[in-house]
C-alpha cells in the first residue's frame, strides 16, 4: 500500500508497489496481511513510524535523505533539533537564477512526507517562499488543521504577516503567471484569518530546512 508515490493506493503485489515508490522523493509505503487492514491504514494516513526506505531508495533523494531521529525523539522520522516542533510543516523554494525558474514545496516534519510541490514557473526565490507559506495556510484551512509552519525566509514571513508580496519583479508576459498567483495569494490573505504559528527556521543553528531542494 502506498501513501506517497507516483500513484497512491493499494497494490496487490510488490512490483506494482515498487514502480510507484522507487526513486520517488519521500515515498511512504507499507505491506499488510489483509485488504481490510490496508484500507483502514490508507484512510488513516501514514503514521509517524511508517516504513522507511533503505539506502537503495534514499540514495536517490539528495534533498530529503532519511536520517533516523535521535533516541530521545519519538515524534518524527527526521533528525530534528530538540527545539524544533515535529507537529509542524516546513516550506521552502528554489530558483535557478533570480529571477528564473522557481518552484516550492512543503514537508511534514513528523513523517517527512512532501505534502505539496509546485512549479517550476518563472519567478523569484522570495516569491516562491511567499507563495509556499500561503499555500500551506490555505491547505491547513481546507483540512481544518493548525500545524506550525517553518520558513527560512524572513522576507516571506514578513510579507505574509503584512498581507502583501513586496517583490520588485516587473509584470511582463513572462511573469504574468507568477503574478496571477501572487494576486490570488494576497487576496486570500486579505479575506482569511489564521491561528497558525509562522516561525523562522534558524538555518545557522539547525542546518538546512527539511523542505530544502539541496541545490546550493
N, C-alpha and C. Protein backbone atom coordinates (compact mmCIF):
# COMPACT_ATOMS: atom_id res chain seq x y z
N UNK A 1 0.85 -1.18 0.00
CA UNK A 1 0.00 0.00 0.00
C UNK A 1 0.89 1.24 0.00
N UNK A 2 0.54 2.26 -0.79
CA UNK A 2 1.36 3.44 -0.96
C UNK A 2 0.59 4.68 -0.51
N UNK A 3 1.14 5.37 0.50
CA UNK A 3 0.58 6.66 0.92
C UNK A 3 1.09 7.79 0.04
N UNK A 4 2.38 7.72 -0.31
CA UNK A 4 3.00 8.78 -1.10
C UNK A 4 3.89 8.14 -2.16
N UNK A 5 3.57 8.38 -3.43
CA UNK A 5 4.33 7.82 -4.53
C UNK A 5 3.82 8.38 -5.84
N UNK A 6 4.28 7.82 -6.95
CA UNK A 6 3.79 8.30 -8.25
C UNK A 6 2.28 8.14 -8.34
N UNK A 7 1.80 7.01 -7.87
CA UNK A 7 0.37 6.79 -7.68
C UNK A 7 0.18 6.27 -6.27
N UNK A 8 -0.90 6.65 -5.63
CA UNK A 8 -1.17 6.18 -4.27
C UNK A 8 -2.31 5.18 -4.29
N UNK A 9 -2.37 4.38 -3.25
CA UNK A 9 -3.45 3.40 -3.16
C UNK A 9 -2.93 2.04 -2.73
N UNK A 10 -3.76 1.05 -2.94
CA UNK A 10 -3.45 -0.32 -2.50
C UNK A 10 -3.08 -1.16 -3.73
N UNK A 11 -1.95 -1.82 -3.65
CA UNK A 11 -1.45 -2.64 -4.76
C UNK A 11 -1.33 -4.09 -4.29
N UNK A 12 -1.60 -5.00 -5.20
CA UNK A 12 -1.68 -6.42 -4.83
C UNK A 12 -0.35 -7.15 -4.84
N UNK A 13 0.70 -6.53 -5.39
CA UNK A 13 2.00 -7.21 -5.45
C UNK A 13 3.11 -6.18 -5.33
N UNK A 14 4.31 -6.67 -4.97
CA UNK A 14 5.44 -5.79 -4.76
C UNK A 14 5.90 -5.08 -6.03
N UNK A 15 6.00 -5.72 -7.20
CA UNK A 15 6.42 -4.99 -8.39
C UNK A 15 5.55 -3.77 -8.69
N UNK A 16 4.23 -3.90 -8.48
CA UNK A 16 3.33 -2.77 -8.73
C UNK A 16 3.60 -1.64 -7.73
N UNK A 17 3.84 -2.02 -6.48
CA UNK A 17 4.14 -1.03 -5.45
C UNK A 17 5.51 -0.39 -5.71
N UNK A 18 6.50 -1.21 -6.04
CA UNK A 18 7.86 -0.70 -6.26
C UNK A 18 7.89 0.33 -7.37
N UNK A 19 7.06 0.13 -8.40
CA UNK A 19 7.03 1.08 -9.51
C UNK A 19 6.57 2.46 -9.08
N UNK A 20 5.83 2.53 -7.99
CA UNK A 20 5.31 3.81 -7.51
C UNK A 20 6.29 4.52 -6.58
N UNK A 21 7.18 3.77 -5.92
CA UNK A 21 7.99 4.37 -4.86
C UNK A 21 9.48 4.44 -5.16
N UNK A 22 9.99 3.57 -6.04
CA UNK A 22 11.43 3.54 -6.29
C UNK A 22 11.87 4.81 -7.00
N UNK A 23 12.78 5.55 -6.36
CA UNK A 23 13.27 6.81 -6.91
C UNK A 23 12.36 7.99 -6.67
N UNK A 24 11.22 7.75 -6.00
CA UNK A 24 10.29 8.85 -5.72
C UNK A 24 10.75 9.58 -4.46
N UNK A 25 10.62 10.93 -4.46
CA UNK A 25 11.00 11.71 -3.28
C UNK A 25 10.08 11.39 -2.11
N UNK A 26 10.68 10.97 -1.02
CA UNK A 26 9.96 10.68 0.21
C UNK A 26 8.79 9.71 0.02
N UNK A 27 9.03 8.52 -0.53
CA UNK A 27 7.92 7.57 -0.64
C UNK A 27 7.47 7.10 0.73
N UNK A 28 6.20 6.80 0.85
CA UNK A 28 5.63 6.25 2.07
C UNK A 28 4.80 5.03 1.69
N UNK A 29 5.19 3.87 2.20
CA UNK A 29 4.51 2.65 1.80
C UNK A 29 4.72 1.58 2.87
N UNK A 30 3.85 0.58 2.84
CA UNK A 30 3.93 -0.48 3.84
C UNK A 30 3.09 -1.66 3.37
N UNK A 31 3.50 -2.86 3.77
CA UNK A 31 2.74 -4.05 3.40
C UNK A 31 1.80 -4.45 4.53
N UNK A 32 0.68 -5.07 4.18
CA UNK A 32 -0.30 -5.52 5.15
C UNK A 32 -0.76 -6.93 4.79
N UNK A 33 -1.26 -7.64 5.80
CA UNK A 33 -1.63 -9.04 5.60
C UNK A 33 -3.05 -9.21 5.09
N UNK A 34 -3.86 -8.13 5.12
CA UNK A 34 -5.24 -8.24 4.63
C UNK A 34 -5.65 -6.96 3.95
N UNK A 35 -6.61 -7.08 3.04
CA UNK A 35 -7.10 -5.92 2.31
C UNK A 35 -7.78 -4.93 3.26
N UNK A 36 -8.56 -5.43 4.22
CA UNK A 36 -9.25 -4.54 5.14
C UNK A 36 -8.26 -3.73 5.97
N UNK A 37 -7.20 -4.39 6.40
CA UNK A 37 -6.17 -3.70 7.19
C UNK A 37 -5.51 -2.61 6.36
N UNK A 38 -5.22 -2.92 5.10
CA UNK A 38 -4.61 -1.92 4.22
C UNK A 38 -5.55 -0.75 3.97
N UNK A 39 -6.82 -1.04 3.78
CA UNK A 39 -7.81 0.02 3.55
C UNK A 39 -7.92 0.96 4.74
N UNK A 40 -7.92 0.38 5.95
CA UNK A 40 -8.00 1.21 7.16
C UNK A 40 -6.76 2.09 7.28
N UNK A 41 -5.59 1.50 7.00
CA UNK A 41 -4.34 2.25 7.12
C UNK A 41 -4.26 3.37 6.08
N UNK A 42 -4.74 3.09 4.87
CA UNK A 42 -4.69 4.10 3.82
C UNK A 42 -5.59 5.28 4.17
N UNK A 43 -6.76 5.00 4.71
CA UNK A 43 -7.68 6.07 5.09
C UNK A 43 -7.14 6.89 6.25
N UNK A 44 -6.42 6.23 7.16
CA UNK A 44 -5.90 6.91 8.35
C UNK A 44 -4.69 7.77 8.02
N UNK A 45 -3.98 7.46 6.92
CA UNK A 45 -2.78 8.20 6.57
C UNK A 45 -1.54 7.58 7.19
N UNK A 46 -0.40 7.99 6.71
CA UNK A 46 0.86 7.40 7.16
C UNK A 46 1.15 7.74 8.61
N UNK A 47 1.46 6.76 9.45
CA UNK A 47 1.84 7.04 10.84
C UNK A 47 3.27 7.56 10.90
N UNK A 48 3.64 8.07 12.05
CA UNK A 48 4.99 8.63 12.21
C UNK A 48 6.07 7.58 12.02
N UNK A 49 5.75 6.30 12.26
CA UNK A 49 6.75 5.25 12.14
C UNK A 49 6.56 4.46 10.84
N UNK A 50 6.14 5.15 9.77
CA UNK A 50 5.91 4.46 8.50
C UNK A 50 7.19 3.82 8.01
N UNK A 51 7.03 2.85 7.12
CA UNK A 51 8.18 2.13 6.58
C UNK A 51 9.20 3.10 5.99
N UNK A 52 10.43 3.00 6.41
CA UNK A 52 11.46 3.91 5.95
C UNK A 52 12.26 3.26 4.83
N UNK A 53 12.39 3.93 3.68
CA UNK A 53 13.13 3.34 2.57
C UNK A 53 14.57 3.05 2.94
N UNK A 54 15.11 1.98 2.38
CA UNK A 54 16.51 1.63 2.61
C UNK A 54 17.39 2.48 1.72
N UNK A 55 18.69 2.29 1.82
CA UNK A 55 19.64 3.15 1.13
C UNK A 55 19.47 3.13 -0.38
N UNK A 56 18.97 2.03 -0.94
CA UNK A 56 18.80 1.97 -2.39
C UNK A 56 17.84 3.04 -2.87
N UNK A 57 16.86 3.41 -2.02
CA UNK A 57 15.94 4.47 -2.36
C UNK A 57 16.46 5.82 -1.86
N UNK A 58 17.00 5.83 -0.66
CA UNK A 58 17.45 7.09 -0.08
C UNK A 58 18.55 7.73 -0.92
N UNK A 59 19.34 6.93 -1.62
CA UNK A 59 20.42 7.48 -2.42
C UNK A 59 19.89 8.36 -3.55
N UNK A 60 18.64 8.18 -3.92
CA UNK A 60 18.05 8.97 -5.00
C UNK A 60 17.39 10.24 -4.48
N UNK A 61 17.53 10.50 -3.17
CA UNK A 61 16.84 11.62 -2.56
C UNK A 61 17.83 12.59 -1.91
N UNK A 62 18.67 13.28 -2.69
CA UNK A 62 19.70 14.13 -2.10
C UNK A 62 19.15 15.25 -1.25
N UNK A 63 17.96 15.77 -1.57
CA UNK A 63 17.43 16.90 -0.83
C UNK A 63 16.67 16.47 0.41
N UNK A 64 16.23 15.21 0.46
CA UNK A 64 15.41 14.76 1.58
C UNK A 64 15.87 13.39 2.06
N UNK A 65 17.15 13.19 2.18
CA UNK A 65 17.66 11.92 2.67
C UNK A 65 17.07 11.62 4.03
N UNK A 66 16.67 10.39 4.23
CA UNK A 66 16.10 10.00 5.52
C UNK A 66 17.22 9.83 6.53
N UNK A 67 17.07 10.47 7.67
CA UNK A 67 18.02 10.34 8.76
C UNK A 67 17.23 9.99 10.00
N UNK A 68 17.57 8.91 10.64
CA UNK A 68 16.83 8.49 11.82
C UNK A 68 16.95 9.54 12.92
N UNK A 69 15.87 9.78 13.64
CA UNK A 69 15.91 10.81 14.70
C UNK A 69 16.74 10.34 15.89
N UNK A 70 17.16 11.27 16.72
CA UNK A 70 17.87 10.88 17.95
C UNK A 70 16.98 9.99 18.82
N UNK A 71 17.59 9.21 19.68
CA UNK A 71 16.86 8.27 20.52
C UNK A 71 15.81 8.95 21.39
N UNK A 72 16.05 10.22 21.73
CA UNK A 72 15.12 10.89 22.63
C UNK A 72 13.88 11.41 21.91
N UNK A 73 13.84 11.30 20.57
CA UNK A 73 12.67 11.78 19.82
C UNK A 73 11.86 10.61 19.31
N UNK A 74 10.57 10.66 19.57
CA UNK A 74 9.66 9.61 19.10
C UNK A 74 8.49 10.22 18.32
N UNK A 75 8.66 11.49 17.91
CA UNK A 75 7.58 12.20 17.24
C UNK A 75 7.89 12.51 15.78
N UNK A 76 8.97 11.95 15.25
CA UNK A 76 9.38 12.28 13.89
C UNK A 76 10.30 11.20 13.34
N UNK A 77 10.40 11.15 12.02
CA UNK A 77 11.38 10.26 11.38
C UNK A 77 12.60 11.06 10.93
N UNK A 78 12.58 12.37 11.14
CA UNK A 78 13.67 13.24 10.73
C UNK A 78 14.60 13.53 11.90
N UNK A 79 15.80 13.94 11.59
CA UNK A 79 16.76 14.27 12.64
C UNK A 79 16.63 15.75 12.98
N UNK A 80 15.55 16.08 13.67
CA UNK A 80 15.27 17.46 14.01
C UNK A 80 15.95 17.86 15.31
N UNK A 81 16.36 19.11 15.43
CA UNK A 81 16.87 19.61 16.71
C UNK A 81 15.77 19.53 17.77
N UNK A 82 16.13 19.44 19.03
CA UNK A 82 15.12 19.30 20.09
C UNK A 82 14.16 20.48 20.18
N UNK A 83 14.61 21.66 19.78
CA UNK A 83 13.75 22.84 19.91
C UNK A 83 12.78 22.99 18.74
N UNK A 84 12.90 22.17 17.72
CA UNK A 84 12.02 22.24 16.56
C UNK A 84 10.80 21.35 16.78
N UNK A 85 9.62 21.89 16.56
CA UNK A 85 8.40 21.12 16.69
C UNK A 85 8.29 20.10 15.56
N UNK A 86 7.90 18.88 15.89
CA UNK A 86 7.68 17.88 14.85
C UNK A 86 6.26 17.94 14.32
N UNK A 87 5.34 18.40 15.13
CA UNK A 87 3.96 18.56 14.68
C UNK A 87 3.87 19.89 13.93
N UNK A 88 4.54 19.90 12.78
CA UNK A 88 4.70 21.15 12.04
C UNK A 88 5.00 20.85 10.58
N UNK A 89 4.90 21.89 9.77
CA UNK A 89 5.26 21.81 8.36
C UNK A 89 6.43 22.74 8.08
N UNK A 90 7.22 22.39 7.08
CA UNK A 90 8.32 23.26 6.64
C UNK A 90 8.15 23.53 5.15
N UNK A 91 8.35 24.78 4.75
CA UNK A 91 8.23 25.14 3.34
C UNK A 91 9.54 25.75 2.86
N UNK A 92 9.79 25.62 1.57
CA UNK A 92 10.99 26.22 1.00
C UNK A 92 10.80 26.37 -0.50
N UNK A 93 11.61 27.23 -1.10
CA UNK A 93 11.56 27.46 -2.54
C UNK A 93 12.97 27.37 -3.10
N UNK A 94 13.05 27.13 -4.40
CA UNK A 94 14.33 27.11 -5.11
C UNK A 94 14.14 27.83 -6.43
N UNK A 95 15.18 28.52 -6.88
CA UNK A 95 15.09 29.29 -8.11
C UNK A 95 16.40 29.19 -8.87
N UNK A 96 16.33 28.80 -10.12
CA UNK A 96 17.52 28.73 -10.98
C UNK A 96 17.72 30.08 -11.63
N UNK A 97 18.54 30.92 -10.99
CA UNK A 97 18.64 32.32 -11.37
C UNK A 97 17.62 33.10 -10.56
N UNK A 98 17.81 34.41 -10.50
CA UNK A 98 16.87 35.20 -9.70
C UNK A 98 16.65 36.56 -10.37
N UNK A 99 15.65 36.67 -11.24
CA UNK A 99 14.58 35.72 -11.49
C UNK A 99 15.03 34.54 -12.34
N UNK A 100 14.21 33.50 -12.30
CA UNK A 100 14.49 32.29 -13.05
C UNK A 100 13.36 31.31 -12.84
N UNK A 101 13.64 30.05 -13.16
CA UNK A 101 12.62 29.03 -12.98
C UNK A 101 12.53 28.67 -11.50
N UNK A 102 11.37 28.91 -10.92
CA UNK A 102 11.17 28.78 -9.48
C UNK A 102 10.17 27.66 -9.18
N UNK A 103 10.41 26.99 -8.05
CA UNK A 103 9.46 26.00 -7.55
C UNK A 103 9.50 26.02 -6.04
N UNK A 104 8.46 25.48 -5.42
CA UNK A 104 8.42 25.43 -3.97
C UNK A 104 7.72 24.16 -3.51
N UNK A 105 7.93 23.82 -2.23
CA UNK A 105 7.28 22.63 -1.68
C UNK A 105 7.13 22.74 -0.17
N UNK A 106 6.39 21.77 0.36
CA UNK A 106 6.10 21.73 1.80
C UNK A 106 6.30 20.30 2.29
N UNK A 107 6.94 20.16 3.46
CA UNK A 107 7.25 18.86 4.04
C UNK A 107 6.66 18.77 5.44
N UNK A 108 6.04 17.64 5.73
CA UNK A 108 5.53 17.35 7.07
C UNK A 108 6.71 16.91 7.94
N UNK A 109 6.96 17.62 9.04
CA UNK A 109 8.13 17.33 9.86
C UNK A 109 7.98 16.09 10.72
N UNK A 110 6.79 15.57 10.86
CA UNK A 110 6.63 14.34 11.65
C UNK A 110 6.82 13.09 10.79
N UNK A 111 6.42 13.15 9.53
CA UNK A 111 6.52 11.97 8.65
C UNK A 111 7.57 12.11 7.57
N UNK A 112 8.02 13.34 7.29
CA UNK A 112 8.93 13.56 6.19
C UNK A 112 8.26 13.58 4.83
N UNK A 113 6.94 13.49 4.79
CA UNK A 113 6.22 13.44 3.51
C UNK A 113 6.20 14.81 2.84
N UNK A 114 6.36 14.82 1.52
CA UNK A 114 6.17 16.04 0.76
C UNK A 114 4.66 16.24 0.57
N UNK A 115 4.12 17.26 1.20
CA UNK A 115 2.68 17.48 1.20
C UNK A 115 2.20 18.13 -0.10
N UNK A 116 3.02 19.00 -0.66
CA UNK A 116 2.73 19.55 -1.98
C UNK A 116 4.02 20.09 -2.57
N UNK A 117 4.03 20.16 -3.89
CA UNK A 117 5.15 20.73 -4.62
C UNK A 117 4.60 21.39 -5.87
N UNK A 118 5.06 22.61 -6.13
CA UNK A 118 4.54 23.38 -7.26
C UNK A 118 5.69 23.94 -8.09
N UNK A 119 5.49 23.98 -9.42
CA UNK A 119 6.46 24.56 -10.32
C UNK A 119 7.17 23.48 -11.12
N UNK A 120 8.15 23.93 -11.91
CA UNK A 120 8.72 25.29 -11.95
C UNK A 120 7.95 26.24 -12.86
N UNK A 121 7.93 27.52 -12.45
CA UNK A 121 7.46 28.60 -13.29
C UNK A 121 8.45 29.75 -13.14
N UNK A 122 8.38 30.73 -14.02
CA UNK A 122 9.32 31.84 -13.96
C UNK A 122 8.93 32.78 -12.82
N UNK A 123 9.91 33.08 -11.95
CA UNK A 123 9.64 33.94 -10.81
C UNK A 123 10.92 34.23 -10.04
N UNK A 124 10.79 34.46 -8.76
CA UNK A 124 11.95 34.70 -7.89
C UNK A 124 11.87 33.78 -6.67
N UNK A 125 12.98 33.65 -5.99
CA UNK A 125 13.01 32.81 -4.80
C UNK A 125 12.09 33.35 -3.71
N UNK A 126 12.13 34.67 -3.50
CA UNK A 126 11.30 35.25 -2.45
C UNK A 126 9.81 35.08 -2.74
N UNK A 127 9.42 35.20 -4.00
CA UNK A 127 8.02 34.98 -4.35
C UNK A 127 7.64 33.53 -4.06
N UNK A 128 8.54 32.60 -4.40
CA UNK A 128 8.27 31.19 -4.12
C UNK A 128 8.10 30.92 -2.64
N UNK A 129 8.94 31.54 -1.83
CA UNK A 129 8.83 31.38 -0.38
C UNK A 129 7.49 31.94 0.13
N UNK A 130 7.10 33.08 -0.39
CA UNK A 130 5.82 33.70 -0.03
C UNK A 130 4.65 32.80 -0.42
N UNK A 131 4.64 32.35 -1.67
CA UNK A 131 3.55 31.50 -2.15
C UNK A 131 3.47 30.19 -1.38
N UNK A 132 4.64 29.64 -1.00
CA UNK A 132 4.65 28.37 -0.27
C UNK A 132 3.96 28.50 1.08
N UNK A 133 4.20 29.61 1.78
CA UNK A 133 3.56 29.81 3.08
C UNK A 133 2.05 29.96 2.92
N UNK A 134 1.63 30.78 1.95
CA UNK A 134 0.20 30.99 1.74
C UNK A 134 -0.47 29.69 1.31
N UNK A 135 0.19 28.93 0.44
CA UNK A 135 -0.33 27.63 0.00
C UNK A 135 -0.53 26.72 1.22
N UNK A 136 0.46 26.71 2.13
CA UNK A 136 0.36 25.87 3.33
C UNK A 136 -0.79 26.34 4.23
N UNK A 137 -0.93 27.63 4.38
CA UNK A 137 -2.03 28.16 5.20
C UNK A 137 -3.38 27.78 4.61
N UNK A 138 -3.52 27.92 3.30
CA UNK A 138 -4.79 27.61 2.66
C UNK A 138 -5.10 26.12 2.76
N UNK A 139 -4.08 25.28 2.62
CA UNK A 139 -4.29 23.85 2.73
C UNK A 139 -4.69 23.46 4.15
N UNK A 140 -4.06 24.07 5.14
CA UNK A 140 -4.43 23.78 6.52
C UNK A 140 -5.86 24.20 6.81
N UNK A 141 -6.27 25.34 6.27
CA UNK A 141 -7.67 25.75 6.47
C UNK A 141 -8.61 24.72 5.85
N UNK A 142 -8.27 24.25 4.66
CA UNK A 142 -9.11 23.26 3.98
C UNK A 142 -9.18 21.96 4.77
N UNK A 143 -8.07 21.59 5.41
CA UNK A 143 -8.00 20.33 6.16
C UNK A 143 -8.44 20.50 7.61
N UNK A 144 -8.73 21.74 8.02
CA UNK A 144 -9.12 22.03 9.41
C UNK A 144 -8.02 21.62 10.39
N UNK A 145 -6.80 21.96 10.04
CA UNK A 145 -5.65 21.69 10.91
C UNK A 145 -4.96 23.01 11.24
N UNK A 146 -4.04 22.97 12.20
CA UNK A 146 -3.32 24.17 12.60
C UNK A 146 -1.92 23.80 13.06
N UNK A 147 -1.10 23.34 12.12
CA UNK A 147 0.27 22.98 12.43
C UNK A 147 1.18 24.20 12.24
N UNK A 148 2.16 24.35 13.11
CA UNK A 148 3.16 25.39 12.94
C UNK A 148 3.81 25.26 11.56
N UNK A 149 4.09 26.40 10.94
CA UNK A 149 4.75 26.42 9.64
C UNK A 149 6.11 27.10 9.79
N UNK A 150 7.16 26.40 9.39
CA UNK A 150 8.51 26.94 9.40
C UNK A 150 8.90 27.40 8.00
N UNK A 151 9.55 28.56 7.92
CA UNK A 151 10.13 29.06 6.67
C UNK A 151 11.49 29.66 7.00
N UNK A 152 12.45 29.50 6.08
CA UNK A 152 13.76 30.10 6.34
C UNK A 152 13.88 31.48 5.70
N UNK A 153 12.77 32.01 5.19
CA UNK A 153 12.79 33.32 4.53
C UNK A 153 12.16 34.39 5.42
N UNK A 154 13.00 35.27 5.91
CA UNK A 154 12.49 36.37 6.75
C UNK A 154 11.57 37.29 5.93
N UNK A 155 11.96 37.55 4.67
CA UNK A 155 11.14 38.41 3.82
C UNK A 155 9.75 37.83 3.62
N UNK A 156 9.69 36.54 3.28
CA UNK A 156 8.40 35.91 3.01
C UNK A 156 7.51 35.93 4.24
N UNK A 157 8.08 35.66 5.41
CA UNK A 157 7.29 35.70 6.64
C UNK A 157 6.73 37.10 6.88
N UNK A 158 7.55 38.11 6.63
CA UNK A 158 7.11 39.50 6.80
C UNK A 158 6.01 39.83 5.80
N UNK A 159 6.20 39.41 4.55
CA UNK A 159 5.19 39.68 3.52
C UNK A 159 3.85 39.04 3.85
N UNK A 160 3.90 37.80 4.34
CA UNK A 160 2.66 37.10 4.68
C UNK A 160 1.98 37.81 5.85
N UNK A 161 2.73 38.16 6.86
CA UNK A 161 2.13 38.82 8.02
C UNK A 161 1.55 40.18 7.66
N UNK A 162 2.15 40.84 6.65
CA UNK A 162 1.64 42.14 6.20
C UNK A 162 0.59 42.01 5.11
N UNK A 163 0.42 40.79 4.60
CA UNK A 163 -0.59 40.56 3.57
C UNK A 163 -0.23 41.09 2.20
N UNK A 164 1.07 41.35 1.96
CA UNK A 164 1.48 41.97 0.70
C UNK A 164 2.85 41.44 0.28
N UNK A 165 2.94 40.98 -0.97
CA UNK A 165 4.20 40.49 -1.52
C UNK A 165 4.97 41.68 -2.08
N UNK A 166 6.03 42.10 -1.41
CA UNK A 166 6.77 43.32 -1.77
C UNK A 166 7.88 43.02 -2.77
N UNK A 167 7.58 42.23 -3.78
CA UNK A 167 8.59 41.91 -4.78
C UNK A 167 8.80 43.07 -5.74
N UNK A 168 10.00 43.13 -6.32
CA UNK A 168 10.31 44.13 -7.33
C UNK A 168 10.23 43.54 -8.73
N UNK A 169 9.77 42.33 -8.84
CA UNK A 169 9.68 41.68 -10.14
C UNK A 169 8.65 42.41 -11.01
N UNK A 170 9.09 42.80 -12.18
CA UNK A 170 8.20 43.53 -13.09
C UNK A 170 7.15 42.61 -13.69
N UNK A 171 5.98 43.15 -13.94
CA UNK A 171 4.91 42.40 -14.60
C UNK A 171 5.14 42.44 -16.11
N UNK A 172 5.41 41.30 -16.68
CA UNK A 172 5.64 41.16 -18.12
C UNK A 172 4.88 39.92 -18.58
N UNK A 173 4.79 39.71 -19.89
CA UNK A 173 4.16 38.47 -20.35
C UNK A 173 4.79 37.23 -19.74
N UNK A 174 6.10 37.27 -19.52
CA UNK A 174 6.79 36.10 -18.97
C UNK A 174 6.48 35.90 -17.50
N UNK A 175 6.22 36.98 -16.77
CA UNK A 175 5.98 36.86 -15.33
C UNK A 175 4.50 36.89 -14.97
N UNK A 176 3.63 36.96 -15.97
CA UNK A 176 2.20 37.07 -15.69
C UNK A 176 1.69 35.89 -14.87
N UNK A 177 2.15 34.68 -15.16
CA UNK A 177 1.66 33.50 -14.44
C UNK A 177 1.95 33.60 -12.95
N UNK A 178 3.18 33.98 -12.61
CA UNK A 178 3.52 34.06 -11.19
C UNK A 178 2.82 35.25 -10.54
N UNK A 179 2.63 36.34 -11.29
CA UNK A 179 1.92 37.49 -10.74
C UNK A 179 0.45 37.15 -10.48
N UNK A 180 -0.14 36.33 -11.33
CA UNK A 180 -1.52 35.88 -11.08
C UNK A 180 -1.60 35.11 -9.76
N UNK A 181 -0.57 34.29 -9.49
CA UNK A 181 -0.54 33.54 -8.23
C UNK A 181 -0.34 34.47 -7.04
N UNK A 182 0.52 35.48 -7.22
CA UNK A 182 0.73 36.46 -6.14
C UNK A 182 -0.56 37.19 -5.83
N UNK A 183 -1.26 37.63 -6.87
CA UNK A 183 -2.53 38.34 -6.66
C UNK A 183 -3.53 37.46 -5.91
N UNK A 184 -3.60 36.19 -6.31
CA UNK A 184 -4.54 35.28 -5.66
C UNK A 184 -4.14 35.05 -4.20
N UNK A 185 -2.83 34.93 -3.94
CA UNK A 185 -2.36 34.72 -2.57
C UNK A 185 -2.66 35.93 -1.70
N UNK A 186 -2.45 37.13 -2.25
CA UNK A 186 -2.73 38.35 -1.49
C UNK A 186 -4.22 38.47 -1.18
N UNK A 187 -5.05 38.13 -2.12
CA UNK A 187 -6.50 38.17 -1.88
C UNK A 187 -6.90 37.18 -0.80
N UNK A 188 -6.25 36.01 -0.81
CA UNK A 188 -6.55 35.01 0.23
C UNK A 188 -6.17 35.57 1.60
N UNK A 189 -5.01 36.18 1.71
CA UNK A 189 -4.57 36.73 2.98
C UNK A 189 -5.50 37.84 3.46
N UNK A 190 -6.04 38.62 2.52
CA UNK A 190 -6.92 39.73 2.88
C UNK A 190 -8.31 39.27 3.31
N UNK A 191 -8.68 38.07 2.93
CA UNK A 191 -10.05 37.59 3.21
C UNK A 191 -10.10 36.43 4.21
N UNK A 192 -8.95 36.05 4.75
CA UNK A 192 -8.92 34.94 5.70
C UNK A 192 -8.09 35.33 6.91
N UNK A 193 -8.38 34.67 8.02
CA UNK A 193 -7.57 34.81 9.23
C UNK A 193 -7.10 33.43 9.63
N UNK A 194 -6.02 33.37 10.39
CA UNK A 194 -5.50 32.07 10.78
C UNK A 194 -4.85 32.18 12.16
N UNK A 195 -4.79 31.04 12.83
CA UNK A 195 -4.16 30.98 14.15
C UNK A 195 -2.86 30.19 14.10
N UNK A 196 -2.46 29.79 12.92
CA UNK A 196 -1.24 29.00 12.74
C UNK A 196 -0.02 29.85 13.09
N UNK A 197 0.92 29.26 13.80
CA UNK A 197 2.16 29.97 14.10
C UNK A 197 3.11 29.88 12.91
N UNK A 198 3.64 31.02 12.50
CA UNK A 198 4.63 31.08 11.43
C UNK A 198 5.98 31.39 12.07
N UNK A 199 6.92 30.46 11.96
CA UNK A 199 8.20 30.60 12.64
C UNK A 199 9.36 30.62 11.65
N UNK A 200 10.39 31.38 11.99
CA UNK A 200 11.61 31.44 11.19
C UNK A 200 12.49 30.23 11.49
N UNK A 201 12.86 29.50 10.44
CA UNK A 201 13.78 28.38 10.58
C UNK A 201 15.19 28.92 10.77
N UNK A 202 15.86 28.51 11.84
CA UNK A 202 17.20 29.01 12.18
C UNK A 202 18.26 28.17 11.45
N UNK A 203 18.53 28.52 10.21
CA UNK A 203 19.46 27.74 9.39
C UNK A 203 20.85 27.69 10.01
N UNK A 204 21.29 28.78 10.62
CA UNK A 204 22.64 28.85 11.19
C UNK A 204 22.85 27.76 12.24
N UNK A 205 21.84 27.51 13.06
CA UNK A 205 21.99 26.55 14.16
C UNK A 205 21.37 25.18 13.85
N UNK A 206 20.40 25.12 12.95
CA UNK A 206 19.68 23.87 12.69
C UNK A 206 20.04 23.21 11.37
N UNK A 207 20.81 23.90 10.54
CA UNK A 207 21.08 23.37 9.20
C UNK A 207 19.97 23.71 8.24
N UNK A 208 20.03 23.15 7.04
CA UNK A 208 19.03 23.47 6.03
C UNK A 208 17.65 22.97 6.45
N UNK A 209 16.65 23.74 6.09
CA UNK A 209 15.27 23.37 6.38
C UNK A 209 14.93 22.07 5.65
N UNK A 210 14.16 21.17 6.25
CA UNK A 210 13.89 19.87 5.61
C UNK A 210 13.22 19.96 4.25
N UNK A 211 12.57 21.07 3.93
CA UNK A 211 11.96 21.22 2.61
C UNK A 211 12.95 21.72 1.56
N UNK A 212 14.19 21.92 1.94
CA UNK A 212 15.21 22.45 1.03
C UNK A 212 15.38 21.53 -0.19
N UNK A 213 15.64 22.12 -1.35
CA UNK A 213 15.81 21.36 -2.58
C UNK A 213 17.24 20.85 -2.75
N UNK A 214 18.15 21.27 -1.90
CA UNK A 214 19.52 20.75 -1.95
C UNK A 214 20.30 21.17 -3.18
N UNK A 215 20.11 22.39 -3.65
CA UNK A 215 20.76 22.82 -4.89
C UNK A 215 21.76 23.95 -4.66
N UNK A 216 22.14 24.21 -3.44
CA UNK A 216 23.05 25.30 -3.15
C UNK A 216 24.48 24.91 -3.51
